[in-house]
Amino acid sequence: MSEKKKILIIQKVHQKGMELIKNHPNFEVDVTDDTSEENLKAKIQNCDGASIRIANLSGDVMKEAKNLKIVSRHGVGYDNIDLNYAKEKDIKIAITANANAVTVSEHVMFNLLYISKRKDLFDKTVREGNFKDRNKLPKTIELWKKNFLIVGFGRIGQALIKRCFGFEMKVYVFDPFVSKEKIESMGGKKVENLEDAVKTMDVISLHMPLTEKTKNLINYELLKTMKKNCIIINAARGGIINEIDLDKALNENLIFGAGIDVFEKEPPDDNNLLLKNEKVFLSPHAAAFTEECMTRMGIETIQNIIDFFENKIDQSKIVKL
């Protein structure tokens, strides 16, 4: 590279990631935590590349960057980027494909154990001096040999299936884009029809992007066909589960509980019904927020930019638009 490439880091990443590029002789770096559209329009001008976390990157912002060639996403989802504009202008979108699979799959198991064993209720009973009331507590659920459905079998789904086998669970997979052979090679069973599959599942965990096809995929009509002991977990993208329908289904005891890490609007409004529903375990879009994972994600986010301009990026990290 004869001339330094200008890179905008929108929202800081882990320091170890920043170190990769700050002293790199081929790059000039600017960092901003102000994610307002006005600021981004000013900052992104003349930039050749950018990284972004959860802020929105609109087409109007990208229009100001006539030289923009790549946006590196700190994570695996990319619905906060205007993909139509990126495709039109051949701006590449890179993701941190290798960083968060283990961490998110652990978060799913954490949700599952927390909900099925009613951690809060047990803990509260002891702390409030009601130990003798233990026989009056609501039932809990064991996970041994339960039916577990993974919806979406990318890197996270494939990390999750390994953890399910520690509980000897029977794992089913719904993913039209993954072959039966691949799923069976990892010990799972491919299902072809989601509507039929959910009827017999004890746990359902979602791992797909938010698209027109997946928006409100889990709605009241589908929820009411599930088992009363079913637990559903969404650590993928808000909007895949219809939040109003989920609240209604939980209140009607149609399913046992839910773990929600992602919301249709983030942060959720104060009047979001799920915030007051005690059958839901909530987390603030933080499934990947371990120290180890944030380090890996920061490094991979920045390395993707460096590798792109050095013509050696792994093409599996580039989103097909």
Protein backbone atom coordinates (compact mmCIF):
# COMPACT_ATOMS: atom_id res chain seq x y z
CA MET A 1 0.00 0.00 0.00
CA SER A 2 1.64 3.20 -1.17
CA GLU A 3 -0.70 5.58 0.64
CA LYS A 4 -2.02 5.15 4.16
CA LYS A 5 -5.58 3.86 4.34
CA LYS A 6 -7.89 5.89 6.53
CA ILE A 7 -9.91 3.80 8.99
CA LEU A 8 -12.76 4.91 11.25
CA ILE A 9 -13.34 2.85 14.38
CA ILE A 10 -16.97 3.45 15.34
CA GLN A 11 -17.21 2.48 19.02
CA LYS A 12 -13.98 1.31 20.60
CA VAL A 13 -13.00 -2.33 20.52
CA HIS A 14 -10.73 -4.17 22.95
CA GLN A 15 -7.36 -2.52 23.43
CA LYS A 16 -5.53 -5.51 21.96
CA GLY A 17 -7.46 -4.97 18.75
CA MET A 18 -6.68 -1.26 18.74
CA GLU A 19 -2.98 -1.99 19.17
CA LEU A 20 -2.93 -3.96 15.93
CA ILE A 21 -3.71 -0.93 13.82
CA LYS A 22 -2.80 2.19 15.78
CA ASN A 23 0.92 1.73 15.16
CA HIS A 24 0.56 0.04 11.78
CA PRO A 25 2.53 1.97 9.14
CA ASN A 26 -0.12 1.47 6.44
CA PHE A 27 -3.11 2.88 8.31
CA GLU A 28 -4.33 6.18 9.72
CA VAL A 29 -6.91 5.65 12.45
CA ASP A 30 -9.69 7.74 13.93
CA VAL A 31 -11.91 6.54 16.79
CA THR A 32 -15.37 7.84 17.71
CA ASP A 33 -17.91 6.80 20.32
CA ASP A 34 -20.41 9.42 19.16
CA THR A 35 -22.73 7.34 16.98
CA SER A 36 -25.09 10.13 15.92
CA GLU A 37 -25.65 10.21 12.18
CA GLU A 38 -24.41 13.80 11.98
CA ASN A 39 -21.10 12.90 13.61
CA LEU A 40 -20.63 9.73 11.58
CA LYS A 41 -21.24 11.60 8.33
CA ALA A 42 -18.46 14.03 9.25
CA LYS A 43 -16.05 11.41 10.52
CA ILE A 44 -16.40 8.86 7.73
CA GLN A 45 -15.54 11.21 4.88
CA ASN A 46 -12.40 10.11 2.99
CA CYS A 47 -12.29 6.82 4.94
CA ASP A 48 -11.30 3.63 3.14
CA GLY A 49 -12.58 1.31 5.88
CA ALA A 50 -14.59 1.30 9.09
CA SER A 51 -15.47 -0.95 11.97
CA ILE A 52 -18.74 -0.89 13.87
CA ARG A 53 -20.32 -2.53 16.89
CA ILE A 54 -24.05 -2.06 17.58
CA ALA A 55 -24.59 1.43 16.19
CA ASN A 56 -26.52 1.87 12.94
CA LEU A 57 -24.57 2.52 9.76
CA SER A 58 -27.04 3.91 7.24
CA GLY A 59 -26.70 4.39 3.52
CA ASP A 60 -26.84 8.14 4.10
CA VAL A 61 -23.73 7.89 6.27
CA MET A 62 -21.87 5.63 3.85
CA LYS A 63 -22.66 8.01 0.96
CA GLU A 64 -20.28 10.48 2.58
CA ALA A 65 -17.41 7.99 2.24
CA LYS A 66 -16.63 7.90 -1.46
CA ASN A 67 -13.59 5.66 -0.88
CA LEU A 68 -15.23 3.19 1.52
CA LYS A 69 -14.30 -0.39 0.64
CA ILE A 70 -15.00 -2.42 3.78
CA VAL A 71 -17.01 -2.32 7.00
CA SER A 72 -15.84 -4.75 9.67
CA ARG A 73 -18.57 -5.75 12.09
CA HIS A 74 -17.69 -6.47 15.73
CA GLY A 75 -19.86 -9.62 15.87
CA VAL A 76 -21.64 -11.92 13.46
CA GLY A 77 -24.91 -10.06 12.90
CA TYR A 78 -25.03 -7.23 10.38
CA ASP A 79 -28.62 -6.01 10.30
CA ASN A 80 -27.44 -2.62 11.68
CA ILE A 81 -25.72 -1.91 8.34
CA ASP A 82 -27.55 -0.75 5.21
CA LEU A 83 -26.90 -3.86 3.14
CA ASN A 84 -28.69 -2.59 0.04
CA TYR A 85 -26.38 0.40 -0.18
CA ALA A 86 -23.33 -1.73 0.58
CA LYS A 87 -24.26 -4.14 -2.20
CA GLU A 88 -24.95 -1.32 -4.66
CA LYS A 89 -21.54 0.24 -4.03
CA ASP A 90 -19.68 -3.09 -3.61
CA ILE A 91 -18.69 -2.27 -0.03
CA LYS A 92 -17.62 -5.50 1.63
CA ILE A 93 -19.04 -6.46 5.03
CA ALA A 94 -16.77 -8.59 7.23
CA ILE A 95 -17.78 -10.36 10.44
CA THR A 96 -15.88 -11.81 13.39
CA ALA A 97 -16.75 -15.34 12.38
CA ASN A 98 -14.41 -17.15 14.75
CA ALA A 99 -14.62 -15.12 17.96
CA ASN A 100 -17.90 -15.66 19.76
CA ALA A 101 -19.26 -19.15 19.05
CA VAL A 102 -18.10 -20.74 22.30
CA THR A 103 -19.12 -17.79 24.46
CA VAL A 104 -22.63 -17.46 23.04
CA SER A 105 -23.21 -21.21 23.26
CA GLU A 106 -22.17 -21.09 26.93
CA HIS A 107 -24.62 -18.23 27.47
CA VAL A 108 -27.42 -20.37 26.04
CA MET A 109 -26.61 -23.15 28.50
CA PHE A 110 -26.46 -20.60 31.32
CA ASN A 111 -29.95 -19.39 30.35
CA LEU A 112 -31.23 -22.94 30.18
CA LEU A 113 -29.92 -23.91 33.61
CA TYR A 114 -31.03 -20.64 35.19
CA ILE A 115 -34.60 -21.01 33.90
CA SER A 116 -35.05 -24.75 34.37
CA LYS A 117 -33.65 -24.73 37.92
CA ARG A 118 -35.33 -21.45 38.97
CA LYS A 119 -32.16 -19.99 40.41
CA ASP A 120 -33.70 -16.72 41.58
CA LEU A 121 -36.54 -18.44 43.41
CA PHE A 122 -34.28 -20.93 45.19
CA ASP A 123 -31.76 -18.27 46.16
CA LYS A 124 -34.47 -15.91 47.42
CA THR A 125 -36.09 -18.66 49.52
CA VAL A 126 -32.88 -19.23 51.46
CA ARG A 127 -31.91 -15.56 51.83
CA GLU A 128 -35.35 -14.59 53.13
CA GLY A 129 -35.35 -17.28 55.79
CA ASN A 130 -37.95 -19.52 54.15
CA PHE A 131 -35.81 -22.65 53.93
CA LYS A 132 -38.61 -24.79 55.39
CA ASP A 133 -40.86 -23.82 52.46
CA ARG A 134 -38.72 -25.71 49.95
CA ASN A 135 -41.42 -28.35 49.41
CA LYS A 136 -43.89 -25.63 48.44
CA LEU A 137 -41.74 -24.26 45.63
CA PRO A 138 -42.83 -24.63 41.99
CA LYS A 139 -41.41 -27.51 39.99
CA THR A 140 -38.06 -27.44 38.27
CA ILE A 141 -37.02 -29.35 35.15
CA GLU A 142 -34.09 -31.67 34.57
CA LEU A 143 -32.27 -31.52 31.24
CA TRP A 144 -31.24 -35.16 30.93
CA LYS A 145 -32.22 -36.69 27.58
CA LYS A 146 -34.49 -33.81 26.69
CA ASN A 147 -35.22 -32.83 23.06
CA PHE A 148 -33.21 -29.78 22.05
CA LEU A 149 -33.86 -27.94 18.77
CA ILE A 150 -31.14 -25.69 17.36
CA VAL A 151 -32.60 -23.31 14.77
CA GLY A 152 -29.68 -22.18 12.64
CA PHE A 153 -26.53 -24.30 12.46
CA GLY A 154 -23.65 -21.95 11.85
CA ARG A 155 -20.60 -21.70 14.08
CA ILE A 156 -22.62 -20.95 17.22
CA GLY A 157 -25.09 -23.77 16.61
CA GLN A 158 -22.21 -26.15 16.02
CA ALA A 159 -20.53 -25.09 19.27
CA LEU A 160 -23.84 -25.44 21.12
CA ILE A 161 -24.53 -29.01 20.01
CA LYS A 162 -21.34 -30.20 21.73
CA ARG A 163 -22.51 -28.76 25.04
CA CYS A 164 -25.93 -30.35 24.73
CA PHE A 165 -24.38 -33.81 24.68
CA GLY A 166 -22.98 -33.21 28.17
CA PHE A 167 -26.60 -33.56 29.33
CA GLU A 168 -27.21 -36.50 26.98
CA MET A 169 -29.83 -34.45 25.19
CA LYS A 170 -31.27 -35.49 21.84
CA VAL A 171 -30.41 -32.68 19.46
CA TYR A 172 -32.40 -31.73 16.38
CA VAL A 173 -31.39 -29.06 13.88
CA PHE A 174 -33.44 -26.89 11.56
CA ASP A 175 -31.33 -25.17 8.93
CA PRO A 176 -32.28 -25.32 5.24
CA PHE A 177 -28.73 -24.34 4.27
CA VAL A 178 -26.86 -27.12 6.09
CA SER A 179 -26.79 -30.67 4.79
CA LYS A 180 -28.17 -33.68 6.60
CA GLU A 181 -24.72 -35.25 6.39
CA LYS A 182 -23.06 -32.32 8.15
CA ILE A 183 -25.64 -32.31 10.94
CA GLU A 184 -25.49 -36.06 11.44
CA SER A 185 -21.69 -36.00 11.47
CA MET A 186 -21.94 -33.85 14.60
CA GLY A 187 -24.52 -36.09 16.26
CA GLY A 188 -27.68 -34.16 15.43
CA LYS A 189 -30.78 -35.01 13.44
CA LYS A 190 -31.92 -32.69 10.65
CA VAL A 191 -35.56 -31.64 10.62
CA GLU A 192 -37.16 -30.27 7.47
CA ASN A 193 -40.24 -28.54 8.88
CA LEU A 194 -39.95 -26.08 11.76
CA GLU A 195 -43.68 -25.98 12.50
CA ASP A 196 -43.79 -29.75 13.02
CA ALA A 197 -40.50 -29.94 14.91
CA VAL A 198 -41.33 -27.44 17.67
CA LYS A 199 -44.29 -29.53 18.85
CA THR A 200 -42.07 -32.14 20.50
CA MET A 201 -39.18 -30.00 21.73
CA ASP A 202 -38.22 -29.27 25.33
CA VAL A 203 -35.73 -26.55 24.41
CA ILE A 204 -35.53 -24.33 21.34
CA SER A 205 -32.51 -22.08 20.75
CA LEU A 206 -32.37 -19.55 17.92
CA HIS A 207 -29.21 -18.83 15.93
CA MET A 208 -29.95 -17.06 12.66
CA PRO A 209 -29.81 -13.53 11.28
CA LEU A 210 -32.79 -11.19 11.26
CA THR A 211 -34.22 -11.06 7.74
CA GLU A 212 -37.62 -10.52 6.18
CA LYS A 213 -38.13 -14.29 6.39
CA THR A 214 -37.06 -14.67 10.03
CA LYS A 215 -38.79 -11.58 11.47
CA ASN A 216 -41.58 -12.73 13.82
CA LEU A 217 -40.68 -16.32 12.98
CA ILE A 218 -41.68 -17.27 16.52
CA ASN A 219 -45.20 -15.96 16.95
CA TYR A 220 -48.27 -16.82 19.00
CA GLU A 221 -49.57 -19.36 16.49
CA LEU A 222 -46.29 -21.28 16.71
CA LEU A 223 -45.86 -20.81 20.47
CA LYS A 224 -49.25 -22.33 21.25
CA THR A 225 -48.21 -25.57 19.51
CA MET A 226 -45.21 -26.06 21.81
CA LYS A 227 -45.00 -28.27 24.90
CA LYS A 228 -45.93 -26.66 28.21
CA ASN A 229 -42.45 -27.53 29.53
CA CYS A 230 -40.69 -25.90 26.56
CA ILE A 231 -38.00 -23.28 27.12
CA ILE A 232 -37.11 -20.96 24.23
CA ILE A 233 -33.88 -18.95 24.07
CA ASN A 234 -32.97 -16.12 21.73
CA ALA A 235 -29.34 -15.02 21.71
CA ALA A 236 -29.41 -14.21 17.98
CA ARG A 237 -31.35 -11.11 16.98
CA GLY A 238 -34.32 -9.23 18.38
CA GLY A 239 -37.38 -9.41 16.20
CA ILE A 240 -37.11 -13.12 15.44
CA ILE A 241 -39.48 -13.69 18.37
CA ASN A 242 -42.57 -11.52 18.49
CA GLU A 243 -42.22 -10.06 21.98
CA ILE A 244 -45.91 -9.35 22.54
CA ASP A 245 -46.80 -12.89 21.48
CA LEU A 246 -44.12 -14.36 23.75
CA ASP A 247 -45.44 -12.43 26.76
CA LYS A 248 -48.96 -13.64 26.00
CA ALA A 249 -47.84 -17.28 25.63
CA LEU A 250 -45.94 -17.18 28.92
CA ASN A 251 -48.85 -15.61 30.77
CA GLU A 252 -51.13 -18.34 29.43
CA ASN A 253 -48.65 -21.04 30.55
CA LEU A 254 -48.26 -22.26 26.98
CA ILE A 255 -44.51 -22.69 27.55
CA PHE A 256 -42.35 -22.92 30.67
CA GLY A 257 -39.99 -19.99 30.20
CA ALA A 258 -37.76 -17.96 27.93
CA GLY A 259 -34.26 -16.52 27.85
CA ILE A 260 -33.95 -13.27 25.90
CA ASP A 261 -30.60 -11.60 25.21
CA VAL A 262 -31.76 -9.52 22.24
CA PHE A 263 -34.69 -7.19 21.67
CA GLU A 264 -36.54 -5.75 18.69
CA LYS A 265 -35.62 -2.31 20.01
CA GLU A 266 -32.40 -1.91 21.98
CA PRO A 267 -32.44 -0.83 24.67
CA PRO A 268 -36.05 -1.95 25.13
CA ASP A 269 -38.67 0.62 26.07
CA ASP A 270 -39.68 0.79 29.73
CA ASN A 271 -43.16 -0.43 28.75
CA ASN A 272 -41.85 -3.57 27.05
CA LEU A 273 -44.01 -6.32 28.52
CA LEU A 274 -41.13 -8.77 28.88
CA LEU A 275 -39.42 -6.54 31.43
CA LYS A 276 -42.19 -7.33 33.94
CA ASN A 277 -42.63 -10.99 33.07
CA GLU A 278 -41.00 -13.17 35.72
CA LYS A 279 -40.93 -16.19 33.41
CA VAL A 280 -38.33 -14.52 31.23
CA PHE A 281 -34.62 -14.34 32.03
CA LEU A 282 -33.23 -11.20 30.43
CA SER A 283 -29.73 -10.06 29.52
CA PRO A 284 -28.63 -6.84 27.74
CA HIS A 285 -27.41 -8.24 24.40
CA ALA A 286 -24.39 -9.47 26.30
CA ALA A 287 -24.12 -13.16 25.37
CA ALA A 288 -20.60 -12.55 24.04
CA PHE A 289 -19.44 -10.31 26.88
CA THR A 290 -16.78 -12.47 28.46
CA GLU A 291 -13.29 -11.02 28.77
CA GLU A 292 -11.91 -13.74 26.53
CA CYS A 293 -14.49 -13.24 23.81
CA MET A 294 -14.29 -9.45 23.79
CA THR A 295 -10.54 -9.74 23.35
CA ARG A 296 -10.93 -12.15 20.42
CA MET A 297 -13.66 -10.03 18.83
CA GLY A 298 -11.64 -6.85 19.09
CA ILE A 299 -8.62 -8.48 17.52
CA GLU A 300 -10.60 -10.16 14.74
CA THR A 301 -12.56 -6.99 13.92
CA ILE A 302 -9.38 -5.06 13.29
CA GLN A 303 -7.47 -7.94 11.73
CA ASN A 304 -10.25 -8.29 9.15
CA ILE A 305 -9.60 -4.70 8.01
CA ILE A 306 -5.85 -5.22 7.83
CA ASP A 307 -6.22 -8.52 5.99
CA PHE A 308 -8.66 -7.02 3.51
CA PHE A 309 -6.30 -4.28 2.42
CA GLU A 310 -3.40 -6.75 2.34
CA ASN A 311 -5.50 -9.02 0.07
CA LYS A 312 -5.40 -12.00 2.42
CA ILE A 313 -8.75 -11.97 4.20
CA ASP A 314 -10.51 -15.31 4.69
CA GLN A 315 -13.42 -15.08 2.25
CA SER A 316 -15.68 -17.00 4.66
CA LYS A 317 -15.68 -13.84 6.80
CA ILE A 318 -17.12 -11.73 3.99
CA VAL A 319 -20.93 -11.57 3.97
CA LYS A 320 -22.53 -12.64 0.71
CA LEU A 321 -24.83 -9.79 -0.23
